[in-house]
Amino acid sequence: MPSRETSVIRSSIGVVGPDDLVEAVKSLAEREFPQLRPISLSYTSEAQAQEIVLGHPEVDAWLFTGVIPYTMVFHLLDRSRPSTYIPYTDTTLYGTLVELLSEGKEVRHITIDTLSAQLVKEAFSYVGLPTKGVQVKEYRLGLSTAEFTQFHLKAFETHRSQLAITCARSVYNQLDGKIPIVRLVPAIASIRSALETILLELSKQIASDAQITLGLIELEHPEPKLSSHTAELASSIFPLGDCVYLLVTTRGLLQQYTLGFTRMPLLEKITDQRYVRMGFGIGRSAAEAEALSRRALERCRKMSSRSSVVCFGWEREFVLSPREFDHMQMAHLPTLLLASKRSGLSRATIGKLSELAQATGNRLTASDVAHYLNVENRSARRTLKQLERSALAVPIGTLSTGLAGRPSIVYELRIEAGTNN
């Protein structure tokens, strides 16, 4: 009898990076991750990553072959889709150093870009080499690869370096043939780990779409066009009396409509109401979803006349804005008062975080926040997550502490400094 093939739903994953790394990721994904369908999106320069992301809105997830292209396009990524990058670990550098030593190369006076100084120190310690003659230029948001190129070139021309190690393809292309240079590539273990992360996030997303989603909409007076306004949610609307309506939809549709729980277009469509409040609850049962939607609506009543909140649980919620908030955010950052209303944090807390951001060059970690606010790290992480969900903080990278465990997430605060209004 002819065999019957089982149909497997595969999620598409856009792999962005230099062609050799993209093909390495694709090969591993096809060999070990049958649930994923990798799409090769290679570039010759990191600057092309933005064009690639804008030109491929159809992919289910994004995987970048390094932190540089990832942070360059982070603001463009749809938060409803999983995205991550492949990290360069101390193991990657350690292997390169061993290989260079076996070839008789001098590694005591070198320059290294992108990696953290702590990571470099650990790798050299493994090999048993001092770091006195090693210069490191860590990657920071906004730092261009051209600055890396000049960093290596200047050190070589002033005889302070005999070899350059780079993580950026464009830097390698610029300097290859001019100075001795080696390009780092991520370890297979790092690629596998990143693919596992993407697969896990996609699995969570699929499972979460089965959760029940209920919304409560509170208006000043009846709205005859409410059903047409909510058509994109493919939802059912039921009046509950006193200008309160019950909306039934799915988490997947709500997530898509709100662009990953970041914006609420419905707030713009209903223009002739003095107040529009929308509370959504996502739960494992109808009772839980209803209770969470009422909690979200009560939260809206304490915020402003036009507000929307999505509650996922008793300690997890998103504050959604109208679409025009993005433009306001670009031109005029939220004031402390507006930030307090959006996040649910006190204005005093927001003010202290704004002060801390100014003191640290707008690079916040949970450890920084815990120390400055005199709270536990767990509370500090929740605070930063709450700001992120309210579009008031953006993760821009990680910071290795040299200790066991995951690196700390570094956040950039998106709040106007120096005002209490």
Protein backbone atom coordinates (compact mmCIF):
# COMPACT_ATOMS: atom_id res chain seq x y z
CA MET A 1 0.00 0.00 0.00
CA PRO A 2 1.26 3.52 -0.72
CA SER A 3 2.40 5.34 2.38
CA ARG A 4 0.38 8.28 3.60
CA GLU A 5 2.33 11.45 4.32
CA THR A 6 1.42 13.33 7.45
CA SER A 7 0.81 17.02 6.86
CA VAL A 8 2.94 19.14 9.18
CA ILE A 9 2.23 22.81 9.74
CA ARG A 10 5.57 24.61 9.49
CA SER A 11 6.12 28.16 10.70
CA SER A 12 8.17 30.40 8.42
CA ILE A 13 11.22 32.02 9.97
CA GLY A 14 13.09 34.85 8.26
CA VAL A 15 16.83 34.34 8.79
CA VAL A 16 18.66 37.67 8.38
CA GLY A 17 22.44 37.99 8.14
CA PRO A 18 25.48 37.40 5.90
CA ASP A 19 24.98 34.65 3.32
CA ASP A 20 27.35 32.13 4.95
CA LEU A 21 25.71 32.44 8.38
CA VAL A 22 22.20 32.42 6.91
CA GLU A 23 22.96 29.18 5.08
CA ALA A 24 24.44 27.66 8.27
CA VAL A 25 21.24 28.50 10.17
CA LYS A 26 19.05 27.21 7.33
CA SER A 27 20.98 23.95 7.14
CA LEU A 28 20.69 23.32 10.89
CA ALA A 29 17.00 24.26 10.94
CA GLU A 30 16.16 21.92 8.06
CA ARG A 31 18.13 19.11 9.67
CA GLU A 32 16.91 19.40 13.28
CA PHE A 33 13.76 21.56 13.32
CA PRO A 34 11.14 20.14 10.91
CA GLN A 35 8.50 22.45 12.44
CA LEU A 36 10.33 25.49 11.02
CA ARG A 37 10.55 26.65 7.41
CA PRO A 38 13.65 28.89 7.19
CA ILE A 39 13.65 31.66 4.58
CA SER A 40 17.12 32.89 3.58
CA LEU A 41 17.29 36.70 3.72
CA SER A 42 20.97 37.51 3.36
CA TYR A 43 22.67 40.89 3.12
CA THR A 44 26.12 42.25 2.31
CA SER A 45 25.88 45.03 4.91
CA GLU A 46 24.01 45.28 8.22
CA ALA A 47 22.37 48.48 6.97
CA GLN A 48 20.27 46.38 4.57
CA ALA A 49 18.48 44.63 7.45
CA GLN A 50 15.85 47.38 7.66
CA GLU A 51 14.90 47.01 4.00
CA ILE A 52 14.70 43.23 4.43
CA VAL A 53 12.34 43.44 7.41
CA LEU A 54 10.05 45.95 5.71
CA GLY A 55 9.98 43.83 2.57
CA HIS A 56 8.94 40.55 4.21
CA PRO A 57 5.90 41.10 6.46
CA GLU A 58 4.68 37.55 5.78
CA VAL A 59 7.14 35.61 7.98
CA ASP A 60 5.95 34.12 11.29
CA ALA A 61 9.20 34.83 13.17
CA TRP A 62 12.58 36.55 12.79
CA LEU A 63 16.07 35.28 13.56
CA PHE A 64 19.07 37.59 13.15
CA THR A 65 22.62 36.25 13.03
CA GLY A 66 23.91 38.92 15.41
CA VAL A 67 22.95 41.67 17.83
CA ILE A 68 23.86 44.53 15.46
CA PRO A 69 21.19 43.96 12.77
CA TYR A 70 18.68 42.96 15.46
CA THR A 71 18.93 46.24 17.38
CA MET A 72 19.03 48.26 14.15
CA VAL A 73 15.55 47.04 13.19
CA PHE A 74 14.03 46.34 16.62
CA HIS A 75 11.69 49.34 16.37
CA LEU A 76 10.29 47.96 13.10
CA LEU A 77 9.54 44.45 14.34
CA ASP A 78 5.95 43.37 14.89
CA ARG A 79 5.84 42.38 18.56
CA SER A 80 3.19 39.77 17.87
CA ARG A 81 5.86 37.70 16.09
CA PRO A 82 8.77 36.04 17.91
CA SER A 83 12.18 37.52 17.16
CA THR A 84 15.67 37.05 18.55
CA TYR A 85 19.32 37.01 17.55
CA ILE A 86 22.18 34.51 17.78
CA PRO A 87 24.59 35.61 20.52
CA TYR A 88 28.36 35.49 20.30
CA THR A 89 29.45 33.76 23.51
CA ASP A 90 32.77 33.41 25.31
CA THR A 91 32.91 29.86 23.90
CA THR A 92 32.92 31.29 20.37
CA LEU A 93 35.85 33.60 21.15
CA TYR A 94 37.62 30.87 23.12
CA GLY A 95 37.56 28.54 20.11
CA THR A 96 38.92 31.27 17.82
CA LEU A 97 41.75 32.06 20.24
CA VAL A 98 42.75 28.40 20.47
CA GLU A 99 42.78 28.16 16.68
CA LEU A 100 44.91 31.32 16.36
CA LEU A 101 47.39 30.06 18.97
CA SER A 102 47.68 26.70 17.19
CA GLU A 103 48.60 28.60 14.02
CA GLY A 104 51.31 30.50 15.88
CA LYS A 105 49.49 33.86 15.68
CA GLU A 106 50.14 36.68 18.17
CA VAL A 107 47.00 37.33 20.26
CA ARG A 108 48.40 39.44 23.09
CA HIS A 109 47.93 42.73 21.24
CA ILE A 110 44.59 42.67 19.44
CA THR A 111 41.38 44.62 19.03
CA ILE A 112 37.92 43.06 19.41
CA ASP A 113 34.57 44.64 18.57
CA THR A 114 30.93 44.00 19.57
CA LEU A 115 31.63 41.64 22.49
CA SER A 116 31.49 42.81 26.10
CA ALA A 117 34.74 43.40 27.96
CA GLN A 118 33.69 40.88 30.60
CA LEU A 119 33.10 38.17 27.99
CA VAL A 120 36.52 38.83 26.43
CA LYS A 121 38.17 38.68 29.84
CA GLU A 122 36.59 35.29 30.55
CA ALA A 123 37.65 33.83 27.19
CA PHE A 124 41.24 34.97 27.65
CA SER A 125 41.24 33.57 31.16
CA TYR A 126 40.23 30.15 29.79
CA VAL A 127 43.17 30.23 27.40
CA GLY A 128 45.52 31.45 30.15
CA LEU A 129 46.39 34.76 28.47
CA PRO A 130 46.54 38.27 29.99
CA THR A 131 44.26 40.99 28.64
CA LYS A 132 46.62 43.92 29.19
CA GLY A 133 47.22 44.43 25.47
CA VAL A 134 43.64 43.71 24.40
CA GLN A 135 41.36 46.58 23.38
CA VAL A 136 37.59 46.04 23.26
CA LYS A 137 34.92 48.22 21.72
CA GLU A 138 31.54 46.97 22.92
CA TYR A 139 28.45 47.34 20.79
CA ARG A 140 26.00 49.98 21.94
CA LEU A 141 22.70 51.01 20.37
CA GLY A 142 23.39 53.65 17.74
CA LEU A 143 27.03 52.69 17.27
CA SER A 144 27.78 52.27 13.56
CA THR A 145 29.94 49.56 12.03
CA ALA A 146 32.00 52.37 10.48
CA GLU A 147 33.10 53.27 14.03
CA PHE A 148 34.24 49.69 14.53
CA THR A 149 36.25 49.90 11.31
CA GLN A 150 38.00 53.08 12.47
CA PHE A 151 38.62 51.56 15.90
CA HIS A 152 40.53 48.61 14.43
CA LEU A 153 42.33 50.65 11.79
CA LYS A 154 43.54 53.32 14.19
CA ALA A 155 44.85 50.76 16.70
CA PHE A 156 46.77 48.96 13.93
CA GLU A 157 48.22 52.16 12.46
CA THR A 158 49.44 53.31 15.88
CA HIS A 159 51.07 49.89 16.47
CA ARG A 160 48.83 49.13 19.46
CA SER A 161 47.32 46.12 17.74
CA GLN A 162 48.64 43.33 15.54
CA LEU A 163 45.32 41.62 14.84
CA ALA A 164 41.64 42.58 14.69
CA ILE A 165 38.70 40.32 15.58
CA THR A 166 35.27 41.42 14.38
CA CYS A 167 31.72 40.10 14.60
CA ALA A 168 30.50 42.31 11.73
CA ARG A 169 30.65 41.16 8.13
CA SER A 170 30.84 44.74 6.80
CA VAL A 171 33.83 45.53 9.04
CA TYR A 172 35.62 42.42 7.83
CA ASN A 173 34.94 43.33 4.20
CA GLN A 174 36.29 46.86 4.73
CA LEU A 175 39.53 45.81 6.45
CA ASP A 176 40.37 42.46 4.85
CA GLY A 177 43.60 42.97 2.92
CA LYS A 178 44.44 46.18 4.79
CA ILE A 179 45.19 44.75 8.24
CA PRO A 180 45.27 41.22 9.73
CA ILE A 181 41.65 40.52 10.64
CA VAL A 182 39.57 37.52 11.73
CA ARG A 183 35.79 37.31 11.60
CA LEU A 184 33.97 35.55 14.43
CA VAL A 185 31.01 33.33 13.59
CA PRO A 186 28.52 32.02 16.18
CA ALA A 187 28.92 28.50 17.48
CA ILE A 188 26.53 25.76 16.32
CA ALA A 189 25.31 25.46 19.91
CA SER A 190 24.34 29.16 19.89
CA ILE A 191 22.47 28.75 16.59
CA ARG A 192 20.63 25.71 17.92
CA SER A 193 19.70 27.55 21.12
CA ALA A 194 18.30 30.51 19.16
CA LEU A 195 16.22 28.20 16.97
CA GLU A 196 14.90 26.44 20.09
CA THR A 197 13.92 29.83 21.53
CA ILE A 198 12.02 30.75 18.37
CA LEU A 199 10.28 27.38 18.26
CA LEU A 200 9.27 27.66 21.93
CA GLU A 201 7.83 31.15 21.41
CA LEU A 202 5.89 30.00 18.35
CA SER A 203 4.53 27.01 20.30
CA LYS A 204 3.37 29.28 23.12
CA GLN A 205 1.72 31.58 20.61
CA ILE A 206 -0.21 28.73 18.95
CA ALA A 207 -1.32 27.37 22.32
CA SER A 208 -2.35 30.81 23.56
CA ASP A 209 -4.63 31.37 20.56
CA ALA A 210 -6.98 28.79 22.08
CA GLN A 211 -7.55 30.96 25.15
CA ILE A 212 -10.90 32.66 25.57
CA THR A 213 -10.94 36.43 24.99
CA LEU A 214 -13.71 38.73 26.23
CA GLY A 215 -13.87 42.50 26.08
CA LEU A 216 -16.01 45.04 27.91
CA ILE A 217 -16.58 48.37 26.16
CA GLU A 218 -17.94 51.29 28.17
CA LEU A 219 -19.26 54.34 26.28
CA GLU A 220 -20.98 57.61 27.10
CA HIS A 221 -24.02 56.83 24.93
CA PRO A 222 -25.13 54.00 22.59
CA GLU A 223 -22.96 53.47 19.51
CA PRO A 224 -24.96 52.11 16.51
CA LYS A 225 -21.79 51.54 14.43
CA LEU A 226 -19.99 49.51 17.07
CA SER A 227 -20.44 46.22 15.20
CA SER A 228 -18.90 47.63 12.01
CA HIS A 229 -16.08 49.26 13.99
CA THR A 230 -15.14 45.86 15.44
CA ALA A 231 -15.53 43.87 12.21
CA GLU A 232 -11.74 43.34 11.94
CA LEU A 233 -11.93 41.43 15.21
CA ALA A 234 -14.53 39.08 13.66
CA SER A 235 -16.27 39.42 16.99
CA SER A 236 -19.75 39.13 18.42
CA ILE A 237 -21.17 42.16 20.27
CA PHE A 238 -23.80 41.91 23.03
CA PRO A 239 -25.26 44.95 24.87
CA LEU A 240 -25.17 44.60 28.65
CA GLY A 241 -27.08 47.80 29.43
CA ASP A 242 -25.92 51.24 30.63
CA CYS A 243 -23.90 51.66 27.41
CA VAL A 244 -21.66 48.70 28.25
CA TYR A 245 -21.05 46.08 25.58
CA LEU A 246 -19.58 42.59 25.70
CA LEU A 247 -17.23 41.67 22.85
CA VAL A 248 -16.24 38.05 22.14
CA THR A 249 -13.19 37.33 19.99
CA THR A 250 -10.00 35.25 19.96
CA ARG A 251 -6.60 36.10 21.32
CA GLY A 252 -5.03 35.67 17.87
CA LEU A 253 -7.37 38.18 16.23
CA LEU A 254 -6.99 40.67 19.07
CA GLN A 255 -3.21 40.36 18.94
CA GLN A 256 -3.22 40.92 15.18
CA TYR A 257 -5.66 43.86 15.37
CA THR A 258 -3.64 45.59 18.08
CA LEU A 259 -0.28 44.92 16.36
CA GLY A 260 1.02 42.74 19.13
CA PHE A 261 -0.90 44.40 22.00
CA THR A 262 0.71 47.79 21.38
CA ARG A 263 -2.07 49.93 19.84
CA MET A 264 -5.88 50.16 19.92
CA PRO A 265 -7.24 51.50 16.59
CA LEU A 266 -10.82 51.32 17.93
CA LEU A 267 -10.09 54.30 20.18
CA GLU A 268 -9.77 56.43 17.03
CA LYS A 269 -12.86 55.10 15.27
CA ILE A 270 -15.26 56.11 18.05
CA THR A 271 -14.86 59.89 17.94
CA ASP A 272 -18.17 61.32 19.15
CA GLN A 273 -18.06 59.88 22.67
CA ARG A 274 -16.83 61.81 25.68
CA TYR A 275 -15.23 58.65 27.03
CA VAL A 276 -14.36 55.27 25.52
CA ARG A 277 -13.00 52.58 27.83
CA MET A 278 -12.16 49.05 26.72
CA GLY A 279 -11.07 46.24 29.00
CA PHE A 280 -10.06 42.87 27.56
CA GLY A 281 -9.48 39.66 29.50
CA ILE A 282 -7.71 36.57 28.16
CA GLY A 283 -8.23 33.46 30.26
CA ARG A 284 -8.36 29.68 30.28
CA SER A 285 -12.09 29.73 30.90
CA ALA A 286 -15.01 32.06 30.20
CA ALA A 287 -15.27 32.90 33.90
CA GLU A 288 -11.59 33.83 34.15
CA ALA A 289 -11.72 35.88 30.93
CA GLU A 290 -14.78 37.79 32.17
CA ALA A 291 -13.20 38.50 35.56
CA LEU A 292 -10.03 39.76 33.88
CA SER A 293 -12.00 41.95 31.45
CA ARG A 294 -13.80 43.59 34.39
CA ARG A 295 -10.47 44.14 36.10
CA ALA A 296 -9.11 45.71 32.90
CA LEU A 297 -12.15 47.98 32.56
CA GLU A 298 -11.79 49.14 36.18
CA ARG A 299 -8.16 49.92 35.42
CA CYS A 300 -9.29 52.05 32.45
CA ARG A 301 -11.61 54.06 34.67
CA LYS A 302 -8.63 55.09 36.78
CA MET A 303 -6.55 56.17 33.78
CA SER A 304 -8.16 58.52 31.27
CA SER A 305 -11.38 59.07 29.33
CA ARG A 306 -10.04 57.17 26.30
CA SER A 307 -8.13 54.07 27.33
CA SER A 308 -7.77 50.36 26.71
CA VAL A 309 -6.20 47.59 28.79
CA VAL A 310 -5.65 43.88 28.11
CA CYS A 311 -5.27 41.58 31.14
CA PHE A 312 -3.59 38.19 30.67
CA GLY A 313 -3.58 37.32 34.34
CA TRP A 314 -3.72 38.94 37.72
CA GLU A 315 -0.15 40.25 37.41
CA ARG A 316 0.19 40.76 33.65
CA GLU A 317 -1.44 43.46 31.56
CA PHE A 318 -0.88 45.71 28.54
CA VAL A 319 -1.97 49.34 28.23
CA LEU A 320 -2.89 50.01 24.59
CA SER A 321 -2.77 53.36 22.85
CA PRO A 322 -4.40 54.82 19.75
CA ARG A 323 -2.31 54.55 16.57
CA GLU A 324 -1.33 58.21 16.72
CA PHE A 325 0.61 57.54 19.94
CA ASP A 326 3.47 56.19 17.82
CA HIS A 327 3.83 59.55 16.10
CA MET A 328 3.58 61.36 19.40
CA GLN A 329 6.22 59.06 20.80
CA MET A 330 8.59 59.91 17.99
CA ALA A 331 8.07 63.67 18.16
CA HIS A 332 7.19 64.19 21.83
CA LEU A 333 7.94 61.56 24.44
CA PRO A 334 5.27 60.96 27.10
CA THR A 335 5.42 63.18 30.16
CA LEU A 336 5.73 61.70 33.64
CA LEU A 337 2.01 62.14 34.22
CA LEU A 338 1.05 60.42 30.96
CA ALA A 339 3.62 57.68 31.58
CA SER A 340 2.15 57.10 35.03
CA LYS A 341 -1.37 56.77 33.62
CA ARG A 342 -0.25 54.42 30.85
CA SER A 343 1.83 52.13 33.04
CA GLY A 344 -0.08 52.18 36.31
CA LEU A 345 3.11 53.10 38.19
CA SER A 346 3.17 56.10 40.49
CA ARG A 347 4.47 59.41 39.16
CA ALA A 348 7.15 59.35 41.87
CA THR A 349 8.42 55.97 40.63
CA ILE A 350 8.38 57.14 37.02
CA GLY A 351 10.28 60.27 38.07
CA LYS A 352 12.98 58.26 39.83
CA LEU A 353 13.36 55.97 36.83
CA SER A 354 13.70 59.02 34.59
CA GLU A 355 16.46 60.34 36.88
CA LEU A 356 18.20 56.98 36.78
CA ALA A 357 17.98 56.90 32.98
CA GLN A 358 19.70 60.28 32.76
CA ALA A 359 22.46 59.13 35.10
CA THR A 360 23.12 55.89 33.18
CA GLY A 361 22.92 57.22 29.65
CA ASN A 362 19.43 55.72 29.33
CA ARG A 363 20.61 52.14 29.82
CA LEU A 364 18.62 50.47 32.59
CA THR A 365 18.88 46.95 33.98
CA ALA A 366 16.84 45.29 36.71
CA SER A 367 19.87 45.48 38.99
CA ASP A 368 20.15 49.25 38.45
CA VAL A 369 16.46 49.77 39.14
CA ALA A 370 16.48 47.51 42.21
CA HIS A 371 19.42 49.39 43.73
CA TYR A 372 18.03 52.86 42.92
CA LEU A 373 14.47 52.16 44.11
CA ASN A 374 15.64 49.97 47.02
CA VAL A 375 13.51 47.01 45.94
CA GLU A 376 14.19 43.36 45.16
CA ASN A 377 15.44 42.37 41.70
CA ARG A 378 12.20 40.49 41.11
CA SER A 379 10.17 43.66 41.66
CA ALA A 380 12.53 45.65 39.46
CA ARG A 381 12.11 43.16 36.61
CA ARG A 382 8.32 43.40 36.91
CA THR A 383 8.54 47.20 36.80
CA LEU A 384 10.63 47.18 33.63
CA LYS A 385 8.32 44.63 32.03
CA GLN A 386 5.33 46.80 32.91
CA LEU A 387 7.01 49.77 31.22
CA GLU A 388 7.81 47.65 28.18
CA ARG A 389 4.20 46.47 27.84
CA SER A 390 3.09 50.11 28.04
CA ALA A 391 5.53 51.08 25.23
CA LEU A 392 7.51 53.21 27.69
CA ALA A 393 10.69 51.09 27.69
CA VAL A 394 12.39 49.12 24.93
CA PRO A 395 14.91 46.27 25.39
CA ILE A 396 18.05 47.20 23.42
CA GLY A 397 20.41 44.36 24.30
CA THR A 398 21.88 42.31 27.11
CA LEU A 399 24.67 42.78 29.60
CA SER A 400 26.82 39.90 30.79
CA THR A 401 27.70 40.04 34.47
CA GLY A 402 30.27 37.27 34.31
CA LEU A 403 28.21 35.24 36.77
CA ALA A 404 26.08 32.15 36.24
CA GLY A 405 22.63 32.63 34.75
CA ARG A 406 21.16 34.66 31.92
CA PRO A 407 22.60 38.07 30.96
CA SER A 408 20.68 41.11 32.20
CA ILE A 409 18.32 42.77 29.72
CA VAL A 410 19.22 46.41 29.03
CA TYR A 411 16.28 48.79 28.54
CA GLU A 412 15.98 52.26 27.05
CA LEU A 413 13.37 54.49 28.70
CA ARG A 414 10.94 56.33 26.39
CA ILE A 415 9.76 59.05 28.76
CA GLU A 416 10.25 62.81 28.59
CA ALA A 417 12.83 63.95 31.14
CA GLY A 418 12.66 67.00 33.36
CA THR A 419 8.91 67.54 33.67
CA ASN A 420 6.20 66.46 36.10
CA ASN A 421 3.27 67.48 33.92
